[in-house]
Structure formats: C-alpha cells, structure tokens
Protein backbone atom coordinates (compact mmCIF):
# COMPACT_ATOMS: atom_id res chain seq x y z
CA MET A 1 -6.23 -19.02 -10.34
CA SER A 2 -7.15 -22.25 -12.10
CA ASN A 3 -10.79 -21.76 -11.18
CA LEU A 4 -10.92 -18.38 -12.94
CA THR A 5 -10.87 -20.07 -16.30
CA THR A 6 -12.63 -17.20 -18.05
CA ILE A 7 -11.26 -13.69 -17.57
CA LEU A 8 -13.53 -10.93 -18.82
CA TYR A 9 -11.71 -7.77 -19.84
CA LEU A 10 -14.68 -5.41 -19.75
CA PHE A 11 -13.45 -1.85 -20.29
CA LEU A 12 -14.17 0.98 -22.69
CA SER A 13 -11.18 1.18 -25.01
CA LEU A 14 -12.08 4.76 -25.89
CA SER A 15 -12.22 5.95 -22.28
CA PRO A 16 -9.23 7.72 -20.70
CA VAL A 17 -8.06 5.82 -17.60
CA PHE A 18 -4.94 7.69 -16.55
CA VAL A 19 -6.49 10.85 -15.11
CA PHE A 20 -5.44 10.74 -11.46
CA SER A 21 -6.54 14.17 -10.37
CA ASP A 22 -10.18 14.01 -9.28
CA ASP A 23 -10.13 10.22 -9.63
CA ASP A 24 -13.31 8.27 -10.33
CA TYR A 25 -12.83 5.81 -7.50
CA ASN A 26 -15.68 3.55 -8.65
CA ALA A 27 -14.42 3.30 -12.24
CA PHE A 28 -14.39 -0.26 -13.59
CA VAL A 29 -10.99 -1.85 -14.32
CA TYR A 30 -11.56 -5.57 -14.91
CA ALA A 31 -13.60 -8.58 -13.81
CA GLY A 32 -13.05 -12.32 -13.93
CA CYS A 33 -15.69 -15.06 -13.65
CA SER A 34 -15.37 -18.82 -13.33
CA LEU A 35 -17.07 -21.14 -15.76
CA PRO A 36 -18.48 -23.36 -12.95
CA HIS A 37 -21.69 -21.93 -11.52
CA TYR A 38 -23.68 -22.61 -8.38
CA ASN A 39 -27.39 -23.44 -8.38
CA PRO A 40 -29.73 -20.55 -7.59
CA GLY A 41 -31.18 -20.92 -4.10
CA SER A 42 -28.37 -23.23 -3.00
CA PRO A 43 -26.59 -22.94 0.37
CA TYR A 44 -23.49 -21.75 -1.51
CA GLU A 45 -25.41 -18.81 -2.98
CA SER A 46 -26.65 -17.80 0.47
CA LEU A 47 -23.12 -18.06 1.83
CA VAL A 48 -21.69 -15.90 -0.98
CA ASP A 49 -24.34 -13.22 -0.45
CA SER A 50 -23.93 -13.13 3.33
CA SER A 51 -20.12 -13.15 3.08
CA LEU A 52 -20.04 -10.21 0.68
CA ALA A 53 -22.49 -8.30 2.87
CA SER A 54 -20.31 -8.97 5.92
CA LEU A 55 -17.20 -7.77 4.13
CA ILE A 56 -18.89 -4.53 3.06
CA ASN A 57 -19.89 -3.86 6.67
CA SER A 58 -16.22 -4.14 7.67
CA ALA A 59 -15.22 -1.37 5.26
CA SER A 60 -16.20 1.34 7.73
CA ILE A 61 -13.35 0.34 10.06
CA MET A 62 -10.66 -1.27 7.88
CA SER A 63 -9.38 -1.16 4.29
CA TYR A 64 -8.85 -4.94 4.08
CA SER A 65 -10.64 -7.99 5.40
CA ASN A 66 -11.09 -11.65 4.52
CA LEU A 67 -13.10 -14.61 5.66
CA THR A 68 -13.14 -18.38 5.19
CA SER A 69 -16.17 -20.58 5.73
CA PRO A 70 -15.53 -23.69 7.85
CA SER A 71 -18.67 -25.51 6.68
CA ILE A 72 -18.84 -24.86 2.92
CA SER A 73 -15.67 -24.28 0.91
CA LEU A 74 -15.61 -20.51 0.40
CA SER A 75 -12.93 -17.85 0.74
CA ALA A 76 -13.57 -14.16 0.20
CA LEU A 77 -11.78 -10.85 0.65
CA TYR A 78 -11.88 -7.19 -0.17
CA GLN A 79 -9.11 -4.62 -0.47
CA CYS A 80 -9.45 -0.85 -0.67
CA ARG A 81 -6.73 1.68 -1.35
CA SER A 82 -5.43 2.32 2.14
CA ASP A 83 -4.87 6.05 1.53
CA LEU A 84 -8.59 6.66 1.01
CA PRO A 85 -11.24 7.36 3.67
CA ALA A 86 -13.69 4.69 4.78
CA SER A 87 -16.60 6.42 3.03
CA ILE A 88 -14.94 6.01 -0.38
CA CYS A 89 -14.02 2.40 0.43
CA SER A 90 -17.62 1.57 1.37
CA SER A 91 -19.02 3.27 -1.72
CA CYS A 92 -16.56 1.46 -3.97
CA LEU A 93 -17.35 -1.94 -2.45
CA ARG A 94 -21.10 -1.44 -2.79
CA THR A 95 -20.63 -0.55 -6.46
CA ALA A 96 -18.33 -3.55 -6.95
CA VAL A 97 -20.81 -6.02 -5.45
CA SER A 98 -23.60 -4.60 -7.60
CA GLN A 99 -21.52 -4.90 -10.77
CA LEU A 100 -20.23 -8.33 -9.82
CA SER A 101 -23.74 -9.77 -9.54
CA ALA A 102 -24.52 -8.42 -13.03
CA LEU A 103 -21.24 -9.47 -14.67
CA CYS A 104 -20.79 -12.87 -12.99
CA PRO A 105 -24.26 -14.15 -12.02
CA SER A 106 -24.09 -17.43 -10.10
CA ALA A 107 -20.34 -17.79 -10.71
CA ALA A 108 -18.68 -20.16 -8.25
CA ALA A 109 -15.65 -17.82 -8.19
CA ALA A 110 -15.29 -14.22 -9.26
CA THR A 111 -13.06 -11.16 -9.00
CA ILE A 112 -13.79 -7.52 -9.69
CA GLN A 113 -11.36 -4.61 -9.58
CA LEU A 114 -12.57 -1.03 -9.49
CA ARG A 115 -10.23 1.93 -9.32
CA ALA A 116 -10.27 2.06 -5.52
CA CYS A 117 -11.21 -1.45 -4.42
CA LEU A 118 -11.03 -5.18 -5.11
CA ILE A 119 -13.46 -7.97 -4.25
CA LYS A 120 -12.72 -11.64 -4.73
CA TYR A 121 -14.39 -14.89 -3.67
CA SER A 122 -13.83 -18.53 -4.60
CA ASN A 123 -14.74 -22.08 -3.69
CA GLU A 124 -10.98 -22.79 -3.71
CA SER A 125 -8.64 -21.57 -1.00
CA PHE A 126 -6.50 -18.56 -1.99
CA ILE A 127 -6.08 -16.57 1.23
CA GLY A 128 -2.41 -16.04 2.05
CA LYS A 129 -1.14 -17.41 -1.25
CA LEU A 130 1.10 -15.32 -3.49
CA ASP A 131 -0.27 -14.94 -7.03
CA THR A 132 1.62 -13.00 -9.71
CA THR A 133 -0.64 -13.97 -12.60
CA LEU A 134 -1.13 -11.04 -14.99
CA LEU A 135 -4.85 -10.21 -15.05
CA TYR A 136 -4.95 -6.79 -16.69
CA LYS A 137 -2.66 -4.25 -18.30
CA LYS A 138 -3.09 -0.94 -20.07
CA CYS A 139 -0.60 1.55 -21.49
CA GLY A 140 -0.89 5.20 -22.42
CA ALA A 141 0.28 6.95 -25.54
CA SER A 142 3.96 7.13 -26.45
CA ALA A 143 6.00 9.44 -24.25
CA ALA A 144 8.21 10.49 -27.17
CA SER A 145 5.91 13.34 -28.14
CA TYR A 146 5.89 14.73 -24.59
CA SER A 147 9.42 14.62 -23.19
CA SER A 148 12.55 12.58 -23.73
CA ASP A 149 12.98 12.51 -19.95
CA VAL A 150 9.66 10.80 -19.18
CA LEU A 151 10.96 7.25 -19.50
CA GLY A 152 13.95 7.94 -17.26
CA MET A 153 11.64 9.49 -14.67
CA ARG A 154 9.30 6.52 -15.10
CA ASP A 155 12.05 4.01 -14.30
CA ALA A 156 13.19 6.04 -11.29
CA ALA A 157 9.61 6.41 -9.99
CA LEU A 158 8.97 2.68 -10.33
CA GLY A 159 12.25 2.05 -8.56
CA THR A 160 11.04 4.03 -5.54
CA ILE A 161 7.97 1.84 -5.01
CA GLN A 162 9.99 -1.31 -5.62
CA ALA A 163 12.46 -0.27 -2.92
CA SER A 164 9.73 0.76 -0.45
CA SER A 165 8.09 -1.41 2.18
CA GLY A 166 4.50 -1.85 3.27
CA THR A 167 1.42 -2.97 1.38
CA TYR A 168 0.58 0.47 -0.08
CA ARG A 169 3.45 2.32 -1.76
CA VAL A 170 3.77 5.64 -3.53
CA GLY A 171 6.80 7.29 -5.06
CA GLY A 172 7.93 9.57 -7.80
CA ALA A 173 10.75 11.12 -9.77
CA GLY A 174 10.49 14.48 -11.46
CA TYR A 175 6.91 14.84 -12.59
CA VAL A 176 6.24 11.08 -12.89
CA GLN A 177 4.36 9.42 -10.03
CA ALA A 178 4.08 5.72 -9.21
CA GLU A 179 1.80 3.68 -6.98
CA SER A 180 1.41 0.05 -5.96
CA GLN A 181 -0.56 -1.97 -3.46
CA CYS A 182 -0.61 -5.58 -2.35
CA VAL A 183 -3.62 -7.48 -1.11
CA GLY A 184 -3.54 -7.55 2.67
CA ASP A 185 -3.15 -11.32 3.03
CA LEU A 186 0.48 -11.19 1.83
CA ASP A 187 3.38 -10.73 4.22
CA ILE A 188 6.02 -8.06 3.57
CA LYS A 189 8.37 -10.42 1.72
CA GLU A 190 5.60 -11.74 -0.54
CA CYS A 191 4.36 -8.20 -1.17
CA SER A 192 7.82 -7.05 -2.23
CA GLU A 193 8.12 -10.05 -4.56
CA CYS A 194 4.75 -9.29 -6.11
CA VAL A 195 5.55 -5.59 -6.57
CA THR A 196 8.89 -6.47 -8.18
CA VAL A 197 7.09 -8.65 -10.73
CA ALA A 198 4.45 -5.96 -11.32
CA VAL A 199 7.07 -3.24 -11.86
CA SER A 200 8.93 -5.44 -14.33
CA GLN A 201 5.68 -6.25 -16.15
CA VAL A 202 4.53 -2.63 -16.49
CA ARG A 203 7.99 -1.46 -17.56
CA ASN A 204 8.18 -4.13 -20.28
CA ALA A 205 4.55 -3.95 -21.39
CA CYS A 206 4.50 -0.14 -21.57
CA ALA A 207 8.10 0.33 -22.68
CA TYR A 208 7.67 3.71 -24.39
CA ALA A 209 4.41 4.85 -22.83
CA GLY A 210 4.00 7.92 -20.67
CA ALA A 211 1.63 6.03 -18.36
CA GLY A 212 0.80 2.42 -17.63
CA GLU A 213 -0.69 -0.03 -15.16
CA VAL A 214 -0.68 -3.77 -14.55
CA TYR A 215 -2.80 -5.78 -12.15
CA LEU A 216 -1.54 -9.16 -10.93
CA GLY A 217 -3.38 -11.68 -8.82
CA LYS A 218 -2.28 -10.12 -5.52
CA CYS A 219 -0.90 -6.65 -6.34
CA TYR A 220 -0.78 -3.87 -8.91
CA ALA A 221 1.67 -1.22 -10.06
CA ARG A 222 1.04 1.90 -12.12
CA TYR A 223 2.69 5.15 -13.08
CA TRP A 224 1.67 8.42 -14.71
CA ALA A 225 3.01 11.85 -15.50
CA ASN A 226 1.81 14.55 -13.13
CA ASN A 227 2.40 17.64 -15.29
CA GLY A 228 -0.98 17.91 -16.93
CA TYR A 229 -0.22 14.99 -19.25
CA HIS A 230 -3.10 12.55 -18.93
CA PRO A 231 -2.70 9.90 -21.65
CA SER A 232 -5.51 7.65 -22.69
CA SER A 233 -5.18 4.25 -24.33
CA SER A 234 -3.61 3.99 -27.75
CA SER A 235 -6.97 3.15 -29.26
CA SER A 236 -8.40 6.28 -27.66
CA SER A 237 -5.54 8.34 -29.01
CA SER A 238 -6.06 7.11 -32.56
CA HIS A 239 -9.80 7.70 -32.20
CA GLU A 240 -9.24 11.26 -31.01
CA GLU A 241 -6.65 11.92 -33.72
CA SER A 242 -9.09 10.64 -36.33
CA ASN A 243 -11.85 12.86 -34.99
CA ASP A 244 -9.46 15.80 -34.82
CA GLY A 245 -8.42 15.28 -38.46
CA ALA A 246 -12.02 15.01 -39.55
CA GLY A 247 -12.85 18.18 -37.63
CA LYS A 248 -10.02 20.09 -39.34
CA THR A 249 -11.14 18.88 -42.77
CA LEU A 250 -14.73 19.92 -42.05
CA ALA A 251 -13.54 23.32 -40.84
CA ILE A 252 -11.58 23.85 -44.07
CA ILE A 253 -14.60 22.89 -46.21
CA ILE A 254 -16.88 25.23 -44.26
CA GLY A 255 -14.31 28.00 -44.61
CA LEU A 256 -14.12 27.52 -48.39
CA ILE A 257 -17.91 27.55 -48.73
CA ALA A 258 -18.14 30.72 -46.65
CA GLY A 259 -15.43 32.36 -48.79
CA VAL A 260 -17.21 31.50 -52.03
CA ALA A 261 -20.48 32.83 -50.61
CA LEU A 262 -18.84 36.12 -49.68
CA ILE A 263 -17.37 36.47 -53.19
CA ILE A 264 -20.81 35.84 -54.76
CA VAL A 265 -22.41 38.45 -52.48
CA PHE A 266 -19.66 40.96 -53.29
CA LEU A 267 -20.00 40.45 -57.07
CA SER A 268 -23.77 40.77 -56.82
CA PHE A 269 -23.34 44.07 -54.97
CA ILE A 270 -20.94 45.36 -57.68
CA ARG A 271 -23.46 44.46 -60.43
CA ARG A 272 -26.31 46.25 -58.65
CA ALA A 273 -24.12 49.29 -58.06
CA GLY A 274 -23.19 49.38 -61.79
CA SER A 275 -26.81 49.03 -62.83
CA GLY A 276 -27.78 51.95 -60.61
CA LYS A 277 -25.25 54.22 -62.35
CA ASP A 278 -26.65 53.27 -65.79
C-alpha cells in the first residue's frame, strides 16, 4: 500500500451508514488515490480504462475477477458481495468506476469501496498479497442506552464469522448480526488471518458501540443490531440530539405564545361582555 500515499476519507459524517434493511448498495464508503499521476492520453491511461471496462463486463458472471498486464505494469481487480445478484454487482461497479474517475483523475493507483463492491488498480503488483492495513472505520452510537446485552451479543456474533470459513461470512448472536468478506485473491488461510485482524480492530475501535465496521486492505468486518436499532455515527447522533433539543425548545416557545394569545382573547371577550351589560 506504499503507493496509496494519500487516502481520502470522503463520507458524510451526518449520514446514517448502519441501516442494513433495504441497503443502498451503491453507497460510498471510502476512496484512496495515489499522489503519482499518469499523463493524459498515455498508454497507461488507455490500459486503465480498458482494464476497468473489462472487469465490469465480467460482473455478469462472477463476483470477483482480476487481471495483470504483461506489457505495462498494471494490476486491477474488483470484488462484489458474493450474496448479491449479478445485476446489483454490475450496477455497483459502474457507479464505482464513475466515482473513481471523478475522485482520482489520472491517479496511477486508486481504490474505491462502495457498500456492495470494491475496485482497485495499481502500477505496483498487489494480486495475491495479504494486506491488513486499516483503511476505514466507523462506529455507531453507544450501546449502553439500548441494551446491556448488546456488547456480549456483538462479541459472540463476531466470533461466529471469525470461526467460519470461506471468503464471504455471515453470523449472529441474539439480535446482533455480523458480516465479513475477503478479496478473492486470498487463500483460505490468508482470509482467516485477515478476518481475525478485522474482528479485533472493529471490537477495539468500537468498544462500546452498538454497530461498527472496519475495512482493511484485503477484507472487512462489520456488525449491527437487527432489532430496529439502526445507529448512525456519533457526529450524526450529536447533530440529531442538537436538532431535537432545538425543536423541543421551539415547541415550548410556540406553546407559551399560543397560551398568552388565548388569555388575551379571553380577557377581551370578558371586557366586551361586561360592556354589553352596562
């Protein structure tokens, strides 16, 4: 990952990201761009464009593919969530390529992760190499206000995916679900090693959170509560709490004004009634 010297964490801190029912599969997670750039119109640019186009065409028949150019130094791959249909994979990859060209124009190496897919290319070889570099993490609000059992369920759910085999893993305990996936160029042993690191990272980084996710160079792990509890980021929570407090204050003020207005109307009616009797 030495060539990805600049990692761009481009996400909306006020946007909820842990809503797993009715997922937005094309939602942006993170992107990374290299500082070295290629010259527009160069053979490398043509090779990058044709390689990405070739990978997208493969999405209709497989959830993972990679390629390496023998002539010009270029490696590229894509990975989709293997539980999703090919149509969602293709749509996600098309969106990823479009965003990648806007976020990392002319970058010699780049990575983009959307909710359902990953695209990566580089002028340095990375295919088949384990990479547990932490690229992105996000934690939900504290679980303390929801249930004292959430953290225990979280640890048990993460334990199920850590003990599983295969590149795509799902598990759960109670109402907490967990999910992980390795990039398809890793073997089973390397995948298990990567997932173990990811589970440890998300458990430590999101120690008291009801939901969390970490993305490493070649795998990710995430967990969430599946009982209607959909936490957003801590910044989102504070933003919503602030707005909620402001809304309550405004409601109180409006209520007081309305009460005073009613009293004035009532007194005016009493005066007119008294004047009529006179």
